[in-house]
Amino acid sequence: MHTTSAMRLRSAARILLGTTLAVAGVSHLTFARSDFRAQVPDWVPLSKDTTVVASGVVEIALGAALVSGWKRRAVGAIVAAFFVAVFPGNVSQWKNKRDAFGLDTDRKRLLRLPFQIPLIGLALWSTSSRRRR
């Protein structure tokens, strides 16, 4: 793929990921708040609601940073780390058999877990500035 085309594709992916993160962050604070509480592991020292609100604010900020292109590579690494950091919540939802987001069976909750890997990869790929050989 031509370098310019590759950069356009990366930019589009970065903006899409950023927009998705921002919308998810808003949903933490509004209509999906109870669903997100189902993902908070019991060992988190904050209340479930405080954790959901804080993670929503972080998602909005990360989404805005991705969309703006500000410090692209650093933000991409932080977004990837964020996806790693929230993964225990997905595991907790599966392990504790908590229904949320239409994930109402162990199978659905388990099948969701591997999707964190492409999100991490997308955060890193969409914010990189070099072609890989």
C-alpha atoms as a PDB file:
ATOM      1  CA  MET A   1       0.000   0.000   0.000  1.00  0.00           C
ATOM      2  CA  HIS A   2       1.282   3.450  -0.843  1.00  0.00           C
ATOM      3  CA  THR A   3       2.541   5.399   2.170  1.00  0.00           C
ATOM      4  CA  THR A   4      -0.067   8.147   1.799  1.00  0.00           C
ATOM      5  CA  SER A   5      -2.863   5.595   1.542  1.00  0.00           C
ATOM      6  CA  ALA A   6      -1.535   3.737   4.561  1.00  0.00           C
ATOM      7  CA  MET A   7      -1.386   6.933   6.602  1.00  0.00           C
ATOM      8  CA  ARG A   8      -4.951   7.822   5.597  1.00  0.00           C
ATOM      9  CA  LEU A   9      -6.134   4.381   6.628  1.00  0.00           C
ATOM     10  CA  ARG A  10      -4.301   4.680   9.970  1.00  0.00           C
ATOM     11  CA  SER A  11      -5.788   8.137  10.525  1.00  0.00           C
ATOM     12  CA  ALA A  12      -9.299   6.913   9.748  1.00  0.00           C
ATOM     13  CA  ALA A  13      -8.850   3.959  12.117  1.00  0.00           C
ATOM     14  CA  ARG A  14      -7.473   6.265  14.831  1.00  0.00           C
ATOM     15  CA  ILE A  15     -10.403   8.658  14.488  1.00  0.00           C
ATOM     16  CA  LEU A  16     -12.923   5.802  14.481  1.00  0.00           C
ATOM     17  CA  LEU A  17     -11.325   4.262  17.573  1.00  0.00           C
ATOM     18  CA  GLY A  18     -11.234   7.654  19.293  1.00  0.00           C
ATOM     19  CA  THR A  19     -14.863   8.343  18.496  1.00  0.00           C
ATOM     20  CA  THR A  20     -15.850   4.905  19.736  1.00  0.00           C
ATOM     21  CA  LEU A  21     -13.930   5.440  22.983  1.00  0.00           C
ATOM     22  CA  ALA A  22     -15.554   8.843  23.535  1.00  0.00           C
ATOM     23  CA  VAL A  23     -19.054   7.436  22.931  1.00  0.00           C
ATOM     24  CA  ALA A  24     -18.297   4.521  25.267  1.00  0.00           C
ATOM     25  CA  GLY A  25     -17.079   7.021  27.861  1.00  0.00           C
ATOM     26  CA  VAL A  26     -20.307   9.005  27.614  1.00  0.00           C
ATOM     27  CA  SER A  27     -22.270   5.769  27.971  1.00  0.00           C
ATOM     28  CA  HIS A  28     -20.388   5.096  31.241  1.00  0.00           C
ATOM     29  CA  LEU A  29     -21.868   8.312  32.585  1.00  0.00           C
ATOM     30  CA  THR A  30     -25.379   7.864  31.199  1.00  0.00           C
ATOM     31  CA  PHE A  31     -27.412   5.038  29.671  1.00  0.00           C
ATOM     32  CA  ALA A  32     -25.024   2.065  30.183  1.00  0.00           C
ATOM     33  CA  ARG A  33     -23.836   2.898  33.683  1.00  0.00           C
ATOM     34  CA  SER A  34     -25.411  -0.152  35.335  1.00  0.00           C
ATOM     35  CA  ASP A  35     -24.027  -2.474  32.643  1.00  0.00           C
ATOM     36  CA  PHE A  36     -20.532  -1.130  33.251  1.00  0.00           C
ATOM     37  CA  ARG A  37     -20.914  -1.631  37.020  1.00  0.00           C
ATOM     38  CA  ALA A  38     -21.351  -5.363  36.292  1.00  0.00           C
ATOM     39  CA  GLN A  39     -17.789  -5.437  34.957  1.00  0.00           C
ATOM     40  CA  VAL A  40     -16.036  -3.875  37.929  1.00  0.00           C
ATOM     41  CA  PRO A  41     -14.123  -6.583  39.816  1.00  0.00           C
ATOM     42  CA  ASP A  42     -14.935  -6.931  43.523  1.00  0.00           C
ATOM     43  CA  TRP A  43     -11.291  -6.300  44.452  1.00  0.00           C
ATOM     44  CA  VAL A  44     -11.281  -2.724  43.095  1.00  0.00           C
ATOM     45  CA  PRO A  45     -11.006  -0.511  46.205  1.00  0.00           C
ATOM     46  CA  LEU A  46     -13.370   2.205  44.889  1.00  0.00           C
ATOM     47  CA  SER A  47     -17.120   1.877  44.690  1.00  0.00           C
ATOM     48  CA  LYS A  48     -18.369   0.343  41.468  1.00  0.00           C
ATOM     49  CA  ASP A  49     -20.085   3.589  40.489  1.00  0.00           C
ATOM     50  CA  THR A  50     -16.983   5.702  41.156  1.00  0.00           C
ATOM     51  CA  THR A  51     -14.918   3.273  39.092  1.00  0.00           C
ATOM     52  CA  VAL A  52     -17.393   3.422  36.200  1.00  0.00           C
ATOM     53  CA  VAL A  53     -17.534   7.223  36.248  1.00  0.00           C
ATOM     54  CA  ALA A  54     -13.740   7.552  36.453  1.00  0.00           C
ATOM     55  CA  SER A  55     -13.160   5.078  33.635  1.00  0.00           C
ATOM     56  CA  GLY A  56     -15.788   6.882  31.548  1.00  0.00           C
ATOM     57  CA  VAL A  57     -14.023  10.210  32.007  1.00  0.00           C
ATOM     58  CA  VAL A  58     -10.719   8.561  31.055  1.00  0.00           C
ATOM     59  CA  GLU A  59     -12.293   7.034  27.930  1.00  0.00           C
ATOM     60  CA  ILE A  60     -13.684  10.409  26.862  1.00  0.00           C
ATOM     61  CA  ALA A  61     -10.264  12.030  27.334  1.00  0.00           C
ATOM     62  CA  LEU A  62      -8.457   9.232  25.478  1.00  0.00           C
ATOM     63  CA  GLY A  63     -11.008   9.317  22.674  1.00  0.00           C
ATOM     64  CA  ALA A  64     -10.612  13.076  22.300  1.00  0.00           C
ATOM     65  CA  ALA A  65      -6.823  12.743  22.272  1.00  0.00           C
ATOM     66  CA  LEU A  66      -6.996  10.067  19.560  1.00  0.00           C
ATOM     67  CA  VAL A  67      -9.357  12.097  17.398  1.00  0.00           C
ATOM     68  CA  SER A  68      -7.239  15.229  17.747  1.00  0.00           C
ATOM     69  CA  GLY A  69      -4.042  13.397  16.832  1.00  0.00           C
ATOM     70  CA  TRP A  70      -2.277  15.006  19.805  1.00  0.00           C
ATOM     71  CA  LYS A  71       0.965  13.168  20.652  1.00  0.00           C
ATOM     72  CA  ARG A  72      -0.289  10.325  18.524  1.00  0.00           C
ATOM     73  CA  ARG A  73       2.178   7.558  19.399  1.00  0.00           C
ATOM     74  CA  ALA A  74       2.181   8.283  23.134  1.00  0.00           C
ATOM     75  CA  VAL A  75      -1.621   8.390  23.228  1.00  0.00           C
ATOM     76  CA  GLY A  76      -1.780   5.146  21.244  1.00  0.00           C
ATOM     77  CA  ALA A  77       0.439   3.441  23.819  1.00  0.00           C
ATOM     78  CA  ILE A  78      -1.710   4.810  26.657  1.00  0.00           C
ATOM     79  CA  VAL A  79      -4.906   3.620  24.951  1.00  0.00           C
ATOM     80  CA  ALA A  80      -3.364   0.167  24.478  1.00  0.00           C
ATOM     81  CA  ALA A  81      -2.401   0.135  28.169  1.00  0.00           C
ATOM     82  CA  PHE A  82      -5.951   1.213  29.056  1.00  0.00           C
ATOM     83  CA  PHE A  83      -7.344  -1.748  27.107  1.00  0.00           C
ATOM     84  CA  VAL A  84      -5.005  -4.021  29.067  1.00  0.00           C
ATOM     85  CA  ALA A  85      -6.020  -2.362  32.357  1.00  0.00           C
ATOM     86  CA  VAL A  86      -9.749  -2.855  31.820  1.00  0.00           C
ATOM     87  CA  PHE A  87      -9.381  -6.483  30.720  1.00  0.00           C
ATOM     88  CA  PRO A  88      -9.740  -7.807  34.302  1.00  0.00           C
ATOM     89  CA  GLY A  89     -13.233  -6.273  34.281  1.00  0.00           C
ATOM     90  CA  ASN A  90     -14.156  -8.403  31.286  1.00  0.00           C
ATOM     91  CA  VAL A  91     -12.722 -11.469  33.016  1.00  0.00           C
ATOM     92  CA  SER A  92     -14.604 -10.571  36.207  1.00  0.00           C
ATOM     93  CA  GLN A  93     -17.871 -10.312  34.303  1.00  0.00           C
ATOM     94  CA  TRP A  94     -17.293 -13.800  32.887  1.00  0.00           C
ATOM     95  CA  LYS A  95     -16.006 -15.352  36.114  1.00  0.00           C
ATOM     96  CA  ASN A  96     -18.818 -13.907  38.242  1.00  0.00           C
ATOM     97  CA  LYS A  97     -21.511 -14.688  35.650  1.00  0.00           C
ATOM     98  CA  ARG A  98     -22.732 -11.096  35.502  1.00  0.00           C
ATOM     99  CA  ASP A  99     -25.134 -10.281  32.693  1.00  0.00           C
ATOM    100  CA  ALA A 100     -24.523  -6.974  30.938  1.00  0.00           C
ATOM    101  CA  PHE A 101     -24.413  -5.678  27.374  1.00  0.00           C
ATOM    102  CA  GLY A 102     -26.369  -8.697  26.147  1.00  0.00           C
ATOM    103  CA  LEU A 103     -23.647 -11.025  27.427  1.00  0.00           C
ATOM    104  CA  ASP A 104     -26.051 -13.283  29.268  1.00  0.00           C
ATOM    105  CA  THR A 105     -24.318 -16.645  28.991  1.00  0.00           C
ATOM    106  CA  ASP A 106     -20.900 -17.914  29.991  1.00  0.00           C
ATOM    107  CA  ARG A 107     -20.193 -18.658  26.333  1.00  0.00           C
ATOM    108  CA  LYS A 108     -20.924 -15.086  25.204  1.00  0.00           C
ATOM    109  CA  ARG A 109     -18.875 -13.616  28.035  1.00  0.00           C
ATOM    110  CA  LEU A 110     -15.972 -15.952  27.276  1.00  0.00           C
ATOM    111  CA  LEU A 111     -16.069 -15.300  23.516  1.00  0.00           C
ATOM    112  CA  ARG A 112     -15.783 -11.582  24.212  1.00  0.00           C
ATOM    113  CA  LEU A 113     -12.418 -11.859  25.966  1.00  0.00           C
ATOM    114  CA  PRO A 114     -10.154 -12.318  22.900  1.00  0.00           C
ATOM    115  CA  PHE A 115     -11.545  -9.176  21.257  1.00  0.00           C
ATOM    116  CA  GLN A 116      -9.401  -7.065  23.569  1.00  0.00           C
ATOM    117  CA  ILE A 117      -6.310  -8.151  21.607  1.00  0.00           C
ATOM    118  CA  PRO A 118      -7.350  -6.521  18.298  1.00  0.00           C
ATOM    119  CA  LEU A 119      -8.301  -3.356  20.191  1.00  0.00           C
ATOM    120  CA  ILE A 120      -4.798  -3.172  21.638  1.00  0.00           C
ATOM    121  CA  GLY A 121      -3.308  -3.778  18.200  1.00  0.00           C
ATOM    122  CA  LEU A 122      -5.574  -1.175  16.601  1.00  0.00           C
ATOM    123  CA  ALA A 123      -4.588   1.437  19.190  1.00  0.00           C
ATOM    124  CA  LEU A 124      -0.905   0.854  18.443  1.00  0.00           C
ATOM    125  CA  TRP A 125      -1.198   0.450  14.663  1.00  0.00           C
ATOM    126  CA  SER A 126      -3.483   3.427  14.085  1.00  0.00           C
ATOM    127  CA  THR A 127      -1.155   5.756  15.963  1.00  0.00           C
ATOM    128  CA  SER A 128       2.130   4.591  14.476  1.00  0.00           C
ATOM    129  CA  SER A 129       3.760   6.698  11.832  1.00  0.00           C
ATOM    130  CA  ARG A 130       5.997   4.172  10.114  1.00  0.00           C
ATOM    131  CA  ARG A 131       5.378   1.471   7.621  1.00  0.00           C
ATOM    132  CA  ARG A 132       6.393  -1.917   8.888  1.00  0.00           C
ATOM    133  CA  ARG A 133       8.607  -3.982   6.600  1.00  0.00           C
END
